[in-house]
Structure formats: structure tokens, C-alpha cells
Amino acid sequence: MADPPIWYQLTGVKELDRALEQFPKGLRRKMAKESLKKAAEPLLKTMQALAPVDSGKLKSKLTIKNMKLSKERWRAGVTGAAVTVKGKKLRYAYQVETGTSRAAPRPFARTAARAARGAVVAKFKVEIAKAVKTTAIKVRPKGTK
């Protein structure tokens, strides 16, 4: 049986919650989605560095995208981003990661996820702080500083 996916969960950030409360829900979600995609960049780079190279196609097909969530999670304000594989290489990536009856596993995705955890969380904190600051400047009433 394959290992479950690795999730990063940021909790206990009361200052962030307070800063985000000043914006409408849709704007909060947009800031979070953009920040999460940028925060996934260290994970993408680590996965590309660790991906085994036979033809190089697997490495070139790794990409960051926003996650599709259930309606319940979406309504609750949950959002996420993932590093995934574009096109038809997804099954191949899974087989490389977990192995097959003919090939030993060459785990790169889970290894990268564990290695990049600190960098991802740190980058998210920086990116969401930037998003809050720039959005606050854009939406504040004219004539106020």
C-alpha cells in the first residue's frame, strides 16, 4: 500500500487571521491561493532536483497548481496548492515513486516534501504577509494612509 499524501498545515497564526478578517471572503481566498502557489516553489525545485532522470520528461512535467476541493471545504474557506505532474506522466511518476513489479521504488516526491517543509511554510508566511500589505493598500479608501 502506498504512503498517504503529505500535507502541510499552518495553524496557530492568530495575527494572520486578524489581518485577513478585514477583507471579503473572496479576496482572502484569492490572496491565499496566490500565496500558496508561490510557497510551493521550494517544493517544486526540490522535487525537480530529486526526480530520477531517464529521459528528463518527468522532471519537465512537474508543475504547481491550485487544488480542487469539495464544496464543503471550499465554503469553509479551505484552499490549497499542490505540486503535480502535467499530462500523461502522472501514472509514470506514481510508478517511479512507489515502484512496480519490475522496478524498485525511487521515491523523490515524498522525500522532497519532507525536505522542503520548512522552506514552504516560511515562504508562505512571507507571501501571505506581502499579499495582505499590498491588498490593504489597494482597497483602502481614497484619501487615507
N, C-alpha and C. Protein backbone atom coordinates (compact mmCIF):
# COMPACT_ATOMS: atom_id res chain seq x y z
N MET A 1 0.84 -1.19 0.00
CA MET A 1 0.00 0.00 0.00
C MET A 1 0.89 1.25 0.00
N ALA A 2 0.52 2.23 -0.79
CA ALA A 2 1.31 3.46 -0.91
C ALA A 2 1.14 4.33 0.32
N ASP A 3 2.17 5.11 0.59
CA ASP A 3 2.09 6.07 1.69
C ASP A 3 1.03 7.12 1.39
N PRO A 4 0.36 7.64 2.44
CA PRO A 4 -0.61 8.70 2.20
C PRO A 4 0.09 9.98 1.77
N PRO A 5 -0.65 10.92 1.15
CA PRO A 5 -0.02 12.17 0.73
C PRO A 5 0.48 12.96 1.94
N ILE A 6 1.46 13.80 1.69
CA ILE A 6 2.00 14.65 2.76
C ILE A 6 1.34 16.01 2.65
N TRP A 7 0.79 16.49 3.77
CA TRP A 7 0.13 17.78 3.83
C TRP A 7 0.90 18.69 4.76
N TYR A 8 0.94 19.96 4.42
CA TYR A 8 1.47 20.97 5.33
C TYR A 8 0.27 21.72 5.86
N GLN A 9 0.19 21.85 7.15
CA GLN A 9 -0.91 22.58 7.75
C GLN A 9 -0.35 23.67 8.64
N LEU A 10 -0.77 24.88 8.38
CA LEU A 10 -0.33 26.03 9.16
C LEU A 10 -1.41 26.34 10.18
N THR A 11 -1.08 26.26 11.45
CA THR A 11 -2.07 26.52 12.50
C THR A 11 -1.50 27.50 13.51
N GLY A 12 -2.41 28.04 14.30
CA GLY A 12 -1.99 28.91 15.40
C GLY A 12 -1.45 30.26 14.95
N VAL A 13 -1.95 30.76 13.85
CA VAL A 13 -1.46 32.03 13.34
C VAL A 13 -2.57 33.07 13.54
N LYS A 14 -2.72 33.50 14.77
CA LYS A 14 -3.80 34.43 15.12
C LYS A 14 -3.63 35.79 14.45
N GLU A 15 -2.40 36.26 14.34
CA GLU A 15 -2.15 37.55 13.70
C GLU A 15 -2.59 37.51 12.24
N LEU A 16 -2.31 36.42 11.56
CA LEU A 16 -2.71 36.27 10.17
C LEU A 16 -4.23 36.27 10.06
N ASP A 17 -4.88 35.53 10.94
CA ASP A 17 -6.35 35.51 10.93
C ASP A 17 -6.93 36.90 11.10
N ARG A 18 -6.39 37.65 12.03
CA ARG A 18 -6.87 39.02 12.26
C ARG A 18 -6.62 39.91 11.04
N ALA A 19 -5.47 39.77 10.43
CA ALA A 19 -5.14 40.58 9.26
C ALA A 19 -6.07 40.24 8.09
N LEU A 20 -6.39 38.98 7.93
CA LEU A 20 -7.23 38.56 6.80
C LEU A 20 -8.71 38.89 7.01
N GLU A 21 -9.14 39.00 8.26
CA GLU A 21 -10.55 39.29 8.55
C GLU A 21 -11.02 40.61 7.97
N GLN A 22 -10.12 41.54 7.71
CA GLN A 22 -10.51 42.84 7.18
C GLN A 22 -10.94 42.79 5.72
N PHE A 23 -10.71 41.66 5.04
CA PHE A 23 -11.02 41.54 3.63
C PHE A 23 -12.24 40.63 3.41
N PRO A 24 -12.97 40.83 2.32
CA PRO A 24 -14.07 39.92 1.99
C PRO A 24 -13.54 38.51 1.74
N LYS A 25 -14.41 37.52 1.93
CA LYS A 25 -14.00 36.12 1.83
C LYS A 25 -13.35 35.79 0.47
N GLY A 26 -13.93 36.31 -0.62
CA GLY A 26 -13.38 36.03 -1.94
C GLY A 26 -11.98 36.56 -2.11
N LEU A 27 -11.72 37.73 -1.56
CA LEU A 27 -10.40 38.34 -1.64
C LEU A 27 -9.40 37.58 -0.77
N ARG A 28 -9.85 37.14 0.39
CA ARG A 28 -8.99 36.32 1.27
C ARG A 28 -8.58 35.05 0.56
N ARG A 29 -9.55 34.41 -0.09
CA ARG A 29 -9.29 33.16 -0.80
C ARG A 29 -8.28 33.39 -1.93
N LYS A 30 -8.46 34.50 -2.67
CA LYS A 30 -7.55 34.81 -3.78
C LYS A 30 -6.13 35.03 -3.26
N MET A 31 -5.99 35.78 -2.17
CA MET A 31 -4.66 36.02 -1.59
C MET A 31 -4.03 34.70 -1.14
N ALA A 32 -4.83 33.85 -0.51
CA ALA A 32 -4.31 32.58 -0.02
C ALA A 32 -3.87 31.68 -1.18
N LYS A 33 -4.70 31.61 -2.23
CA LYS A 33 -4.35 30.76 -3.38
C LYS A 33 -3.05 31.21 -4.03
N GLU A 34 -2.92 32.52 -4.24
CA GLU A 34 -1.70 33.04 -4.88
C GLU A 34 -0.48 32.81 -3.99
N SER A 35 -0.65 33.03 -2.69
CA SER A 35 0.46 32.83 -1.75
C SER A 35 0.86 31.37 -1.67
N LEU A 36 -0.12 30.48 -1.68
CA LEU A 36 0.17 29.05 -1.61
C LEU A 36 0.91 28.57 -2.86
N LYS A 37 0.51 29.08 -4.02
CA LYS A 37 1.23 28.68 -5.24
C LYS A 37 2.68 29.13 -5.18
N LYS A 38 2.92 30.35 -4.71
CA LYS A 38 4.30 30.83 -4.60
C LYS A 38 5.06 30.05 -3.53
N ALA A 39 4.38 29.69 -2.46
CA ALA A 39 5.03 28.95 -1.38
C ALA A 39 5.42 27.55 -1.80
N ALA A 40 4.75 27.01 -2.81
CA ALA A 40 5.06 25.66 -3.28
C ALA A 40 6.31 25.62 -4.16
N GLU A 41 6.84 26.78 -4.52
CA GLU A 41 8.03 26.82 -5.39
C GLU A 41 9.23 26.07 -4.81
N PRO A 42 9.56 26.21 -3.51
CA PRO A 42 10.69 25.43 -2.99
C PRO A 42 10.46 23.92 -3.10
N LEU A 43 9.22 23.49 -2.94
CA LEU A 43 8.90 22.07 -3.08
C LEU A 43 9.09 21.62 -4.52
N LEU A 44 8.62 22.42 -5.46
CA LEU A 44 8.79 22.10 -6.88
C LEU A 44 10.28 21.96 -7.23
N LYS A 45 11.08 22.92 -6.78
CA LYS A 45 12.51 22.88 -7.08
C LYS A 45 13.19 21.66 -6.45
N THR A 46 12.79 21.32 -5.24
CA THR A 46 13.36 20.15 -4.57
C THR A 46 12.95 18.87 -5.30
N MET A 47 11.67 18.80 -5.70
CA MET A 47 11.22 17.61 -6.43
C MET A 47 11.96 17.48 -7.76
N GLN A 48 12.15 18.60 -8.46
CA GLN A 48 12.87 18.55 -9.73
C GLN A 48 14.31 18.11 -9.52
N ALA A 49 14.92 18.54 -8.43
CA ALA A 49 16.31 18.16 -8.15
C ALA A 49 16.42 16.68 -7.80
N LEU A 50 15.40 16.12 -7.15
CA LEU A 50 15.45 14.73 -6.70
C LEU A 50 14.85 13.74 -7.69
N ALA A 51 14.10 14.23 -8.68
CA ALA A 51 13.45 13.33 -9.64
C ALA A 51 14.49 12.55 -10.43
N PRO A 52 14.32 11.23 -10.50
CA PRO A 52 15.25 10.45 -11.29
C PRO A 52 15.15 10.85 -12.76
N VAL A 53 16.28 10.85 -13.45
CA VAL A 53 16.30 11.28 -14.84
C VAL A 53 16.63 10.09 -15.74
N ASP A 54 15.63 9.68 -16.50
CA ASP A 54 15.86 8.70 -17.56
C ASP A 54 15.86 9.49 -18.88
N SER A 55 14.72 10.10 -19.18
CA SER A 55 14.63 10.93 -20.39
C SER A 55 14.55 12.42 -20.04
N GLY A 56 14.24 12.73 -18.77
CA GLY A 56 14.09 14.13 -18.36
C GLY A 56 12.66 14.63 -18.47
N LYS A 57 11.76 13.82 -19.03
CA LYS A 57 10.37 14.25 -19.22
C LYS A 57 9.63 14.38 -17.90
N LEU A 58 9.89 13.50 -16.96
CA LEU A 58 9.21 13.58 -15.66
C LEU A 58 9.54 14.90 -14.99
N LYS A 59 10.79 15.24 -14.92
CA LYS A 59 11.24 16.49 -14.29
C LYS A 59 10.59 17.70 -14.96
N SER A 60 10.50 17.68 -16.28
CA SER A 60 9.94 18.82 -17.01
C SER A 60 8.43 18.92 -16.87
N LYS A 61 7.76 17.85 -16.48
CA LYS A 61 6.30 17.86 -16.36
C LYS A 61 5.80 18.22 -14.96
N LEU A 62 6.71 18.39 -14.00
CA LEU A 62 6.30 18.79 -12.66
C LEU A 62 5.83 20.24 -12.69
N THR A 63 4.72 20.52 -12.03
CA THR A 63 4.16 21.87 -12.03
C THR A 63 3.38 22.13 -10.74
N ILE A 64 3.10 23.39 -10.48
CA ILE A 64 2.31 23.79 -9.31
C ILE A 64 0.91 24.16 -9.78
N LYS A 65 -0.11 23.68 -9.08
CA LYS A 65 -1.47 24.09 -9.40
C LYS A 65 -2.31 24.16 -8.13
N ASN A 66 -3.37 24.96 -8.20
CA ASN A 66 -4.28 25.04 -7.08
C ASN A 66 -5.08 23.76 -6.99
N MET A 67 -5.39 23.34 -5.77
CA MET A 67 -6.12 22.10 -5.57
C MET A 67 -7.62 22.34 -5.74
N LYS A 68 -8.30 21.34 -6.27
CA LYS A 68 -9.75 21.37 -6.33
C LYS A 68 -10.25 20.72 -5.04
N LEU A 69 -11.15 21.42 -4.38
CA LEU A 69 -11.64 20.96 -3.09
C LEU A 69 -13.14 20.69 -3.15
N SER A 70 -13.60 19.91 -2.20
CA SER A 70 -15.03 19.65 -2.10
C SER A 70 -15.77 20.95 -1.79
N LYS A 71 -17.06 21.00 -2.09
CA LYS A 71 -17.85 22.20 -1.83
C LYS A 71 -17.83 22.56 -0.35
N GLU A 72 -17.86 21.56 0.52
CA GLU A 72 -17.87 21.82 1.96
C GLU A 72 -16.57 22.50 2.40
N ARG A 73 -15.47 21.98 1.92
CA ARG A 73 -14.17 22.57 2.30
C ARG A 73 -14.02 23.96 1.68
N TRP A 74 -14.51 24.14 0.44
CA TRP A 74 -14.43 25.43 -0.23
C TRP A 74 -15.24 26.47 0.54
N ARG A 75 -16.45 26.10 0.95
CA ARG A 75 -17.31 27.02 1.71
C ARG A 75 -16.69 27.37 3.06
N ALA A 76 -15.95 26.43 3.61
CA ALA A 76 -15.31 26.66 4.92
C ALA A 76 -14.07 27.55 4.78
N GLY A 77 -13.70 27.88 3.56
CA GLY A 77 -12.55 28.76 3.34
C GLY A 77 -11.23 28.03 3.21
N VAL A 78 -11.27 26.71 3.09
CA VAL A 78 -10.05 25.92 2.95
C VAL A 78 -9.57 26.04 1.51
N THR A 79 -8.29 26.16 1.33
CA THR A 79 -7.71 26.19 -0.02
C THR A 79 -6.35 25.50 0.02
N GLY A 80 -5.79 25.25 -1.13
CA GLY A 80 -4.50 24.58 -1.15
C GLY A 80 -3.86 24.64 -2.52
N ALA A 81 -2.60 24.28 -2.56
CA ALA A 81 -1.84 24.17 -3.81
C ALA A 81 -1.07 22.86 -3.75
N ALA A 82 -0.76 22.33 -4.91
CA ALA A 82 -0.04 21.07 -4.98
C ALA A 82 0.98 21.10 -6.10
N VAL A 83 2.05 20.35 -5.90
CA VAL A 83 2.98 20.10 -6.99
C VAL A 83 2.49 18.80 -7.61
N THR A 84 2.23 18.85 -8.90
CA THR A 84 1.69 17.68 -9.58
C THR A 84 2.40 17.49 -10.92
N VAL A 85 1.98 16.48 -11.64
CA VAL A 85 2.60 16.15 -12.92
C VAL A 85 1.60 16.44 -14.04
N LYS A 86 2.03 17.23 -15.02
CA LYS A 86 1.17 17.57 -16.16
C LYS A 86 1.03 16.39 -17.10
N GLY A 87 -0.13 16.32 -17.72
CA GLY A 87 -0.34 15.38 -18.81
C GLY A 87 -0.35 13.92 -18.41
N LYS A 88 0.19 13.11 -19.28
CA LYS A 88 0.12 11.65 -19.14
C LYS A 88 1.24 11.07 -18.29
N LYS A 89 2.07 11.91 -17.70
CA LYS A 89 3.19 11.42 -16.91
C LYS A 89 2.82 11.15 -15.45
N LEU A 90 1.57 11.43 -15.05
CA LEU A 90 1.16 11.24 -13.65
C LEU A 90 1.30 9.78 -13.22
N ARG A 91 0.81 8.87 -14.03
CA ARG A 91 0.91 7.45 -13.69
C ARG A 91 2.37 7.02 -13.62
N TYR A 92 3.17 7.49 -14.56
CA TYR A 92 4.60 7.17 -14.57
C TYR A 92 5.27 7.68 -13.29
N ALA A 93 4.93 8.91 -12.89
CA ALA A 93 5.52 9.48 -11.67
C ALA A 93 5.16 8.63 -10.46
N TYR A 94 3.92 8.18 -10.40
CA TYR A 94 3.48 7.32 -9.29
C TYR A 94 4.27 6.01 -9.30
N GLN A 95 4.46 5.44 -10.47
CA GLN A 95 5.21 4.18 -10.57
C GLN A 95 6.68 4.37 -10.20
N VAL A 96 7.26 5.48 -10.56
CA VAL A 96 8.64 5.77 -10.17
C VAL A 96 8.71 5.90 -8.65
N GLU A 97 7.77 6.63 -8.08
CA GLU A 97 7.75 6.90 -6.64
C GLU A 97 7.56 5.62 -5.82
N THR A 98 6.62 4.77 -6.24
CA THR A 98 6.26 3.61 -5.42
C THR A 98 6.82 2.29 -5.92
N GLY A 99 7.32 2.28 -7.16
CA GLY A 99 7.85 1.05 -7.72
C GLY A 99 6.77 0.22 -8.41
N THR A 100 7.22 -0.75 -9.16
CA THR A 100 6.31 -1.67 -9.85
C THR A 100 6.84 -3.08 -9.61
N SER A 101 6.17 -4.05 -10.21
CA SER A 101 6.65 -5.44 -10.07
C SER A 101 8.00 -5.63 -10.76
N ARG A 102 8.34 -4.73 -11.70
CA ARG A 102 9.59 -4.84 -12.45
C ARG A 102 10.66 -3.83 -12.04
N ALA A 103 10.26 -2.81 -11.29
CA ALA A 103 11.22 -1.75 -10.94
C ALA A 103 11.10 -1.37 -9.47
N ALA A 104 12.24 -1.19 -8.85
CA ALA A 104 12.26 -0.79 -7.44
C ALA A 104 11.78 0.67 -7.32
N PRO A 105 11.19 1.02 -6.17
CA PRO A 105 10.76 2.41 -5.99
C PRO A 105 11.95 3.36 -5.96
N ARG A 106 11.74 4.54 -6.52
CA ARG A 106 12.74 5.62 -6.47
C ARG A 106 12.04 6.86 -5.93
N PRO A 107 11.75 6.84 -4.62
CA PRO A 107 10.96 7.93 -4.05
C PRO A 107 11.66 9.28 -4.15
N PHE A 108 11.00 10.22 -4.79
CA PHE A 108 11.52 11.57 -4.90
C PHE A 108 10.51 12.58 -4.38
N ALA A 109 9.22 12.34 -4.58
CA ALA A 109 8.19 13.30 -4.19
C ALA A 109 8.05 13.38 -2.67
N ARG A 110 7.91 12.23 -2.03
CA ARG A 110 7.78 12.24 -0.56
C ARG A 110 9.05 12.73 0.11
N THR A 111 10.19 12.34 -0.44
CA THR A 111 11.47 12.81 0.10
C THR A 111 11.56 14.33 -0.02
N ALA A 112 11.17 14.86 -1.17
CA ALA A 112 11.20 16.31 -1.38
C ALA A 112 10.22 17.02 -0.46
N ALA A 113 9.04 16.43 -0.28
CA ALA A 113 8.02 17.06 0.59
C ALA A 113 8.52 17.18 2.02
N ARG A 114 9.19 16.15 2.48
CA ARG A 114 9.73 16.21 3.85
C ARG A 114 10.88 17.22 3.94
N ALA A 115 11.73 17.23 2.92
CA ALA A 115 12.90 18.11 2.94
C ALA A 115 12.52 19.58 2.80
N ALA A 116 11.47 19.87 2.04
CA ALA A 116 11.12 21.27 1.75
C ALA A 116 10.10 21.85 2.73
N ARG A 117 9.65 21.09 3.69
CA ARG A 117 8.59 21.53 4.60
C ARG A 117 8.87 22.90 5.21
N GLY A 118 10.02 23.09 5.80
CA GLY A 118 10.35 24.36 6.45
C GLY A 118 10.38 25.52 5.47
N ALA A 119 10.95 25.28 4.29
CA ALA A 119 11.03 26.33 3.27
C ALA A 119 9.66 26.72 2.75
N VAL A 120 8.78 25.75 2.59
CA VAL A 120 7.42 26.01 2.11
C VAL A 120 6.65 26.86 3.11
N VAL A 121 6.69 26.47 4.37
CA VAL A 121 5.97 27.21 5.41
C VAL A 121 6.53 28.62 5.55
N ALA A 122 7.85 28.75 5.54
CA ALA A 122 8.48 30.07 5.65
C ALA A 122 8.10 30.96 4.46
N LYS A 123 8.11 30.39 3.25
CA LYS A 123 7.76 31.19 2.07
C LYS A 123 6.29 31.58 2.10
N PHE A 124 5.43 30.70 2.59
CA PHE A 124 4.01 31.05 2.67
C PHE A 124 3.82 32.24 3.62
N LYS A 125 4.48 32.21 4.75
CA LYS A 125 4.35 33.32 5.70
C LYS A 125 4.77 34.64 5.07
N VAL A 126 5.86 34.62 4.32
CA VAL A 126 6.35 35.83 3.64
C VAL A 126 5.35 36.27 2.57
N GLU A 127 4.89 35.34 1.76
CA GLU A 127 4.00 35.67 0.64
C GLU A 127 2.63 36.16 1.12
N ILE A 128 2.08 35.55 2.15
CA ILE A 128 0.76 35.99 2.62
C ILE A 128 0.87 37.36 3.28
N ALA A 129 1.98 37.62 3.97
CA ALA A 129 2.19 38.95 4.57
C ALA A 129 2.28 40.00 3.47
N LYS A 130 3.01 39.69 2.38
CA LYS A 130 3.09 40.62 1.25
C LYS A 130 1.72 40.85 0.63
N ALA A 131 0.95 39.78 0.47
CA ALA A 131 -0.37 39.89 -0.14
C ALA A 131 -1.30 40.75 0.71
N VAL A 132 -1.25 40.57 2.03
CA VAL A 132 -2.08 41.37 2.93
C VAL A 132 -1.69 42.84 2.82
N LYS A 133 -0.41 43.11 2.83
CA LYS A 133 0.06 44.50 2.77
C LYS A 133 -0.32 45.17 1.45
N THR A 134 -0.06 44.52 0.33
CA THR A 134 -0.36 45.14 -0.96
C THR A 134 -1.86 45.25 -1.19
N THR A 135 -2.62 44.26 -0.75
CA THR A 135 -4.08 44.32 -0.92
C THR A 135 -4.69 45.40 -0.05
N ALA A 136 -4.17 45.55 1.16
CA ALA A 136 -4.67 46.60 2.04
C ALA A 136 -4.45 47.98 1.43
N ILE A 137 -3.33 48.17 0.77
CA ILE A 137 -3.04 49.44 0.11
C ILE A 137 -4.00 49.66 -1.06
N LYS A 138 -4.28 48.61 -1.82
CA LYS A 138 -5.15 48.73 -2.99
C LYS A 138 -6.61 48.99 -2.61
N VAL A 139 -7.09 48.42 -1.52
CA VAL A 139 -8.52 48.52 -1.20
C VAL A 139 -8.86 49.60 -0.19
N ARG A 140 -7.87 50.26 0.37
CA ARG A 140 -8.19 51.29 1.36
C ARG A 140 -8.88 52.49 0.68
N PRO A 141 -9.75 53.15 1.40
CA PRO A 141 -10.46 54.30 0.83
C PRO A 141 -9.49 55.40 0.41
N LYS A 142 -9.86 56.11 -0.64
CA LYS A 142 -9.01 57.19 -1.13
C LYS A 142 -8.90 58.30 -0.07
N GLY A 143 -7.73 58.87 0.01
CA GLY A 143 -7.52 59.96 0.97
C GLY A 143 -7.03 59.48 2.32
N THR A 144 -6.94 58.14 2.54
CA THR A 144 -6.41 57.62 3.82
C THR A 144 -5.03 57.06 3.60
N LYS A 145 -4.25 57.05 4.64
CA LYS A 145 -2.90 56.49 4.56
C LYS A 145 -2.73 55.34 5.51
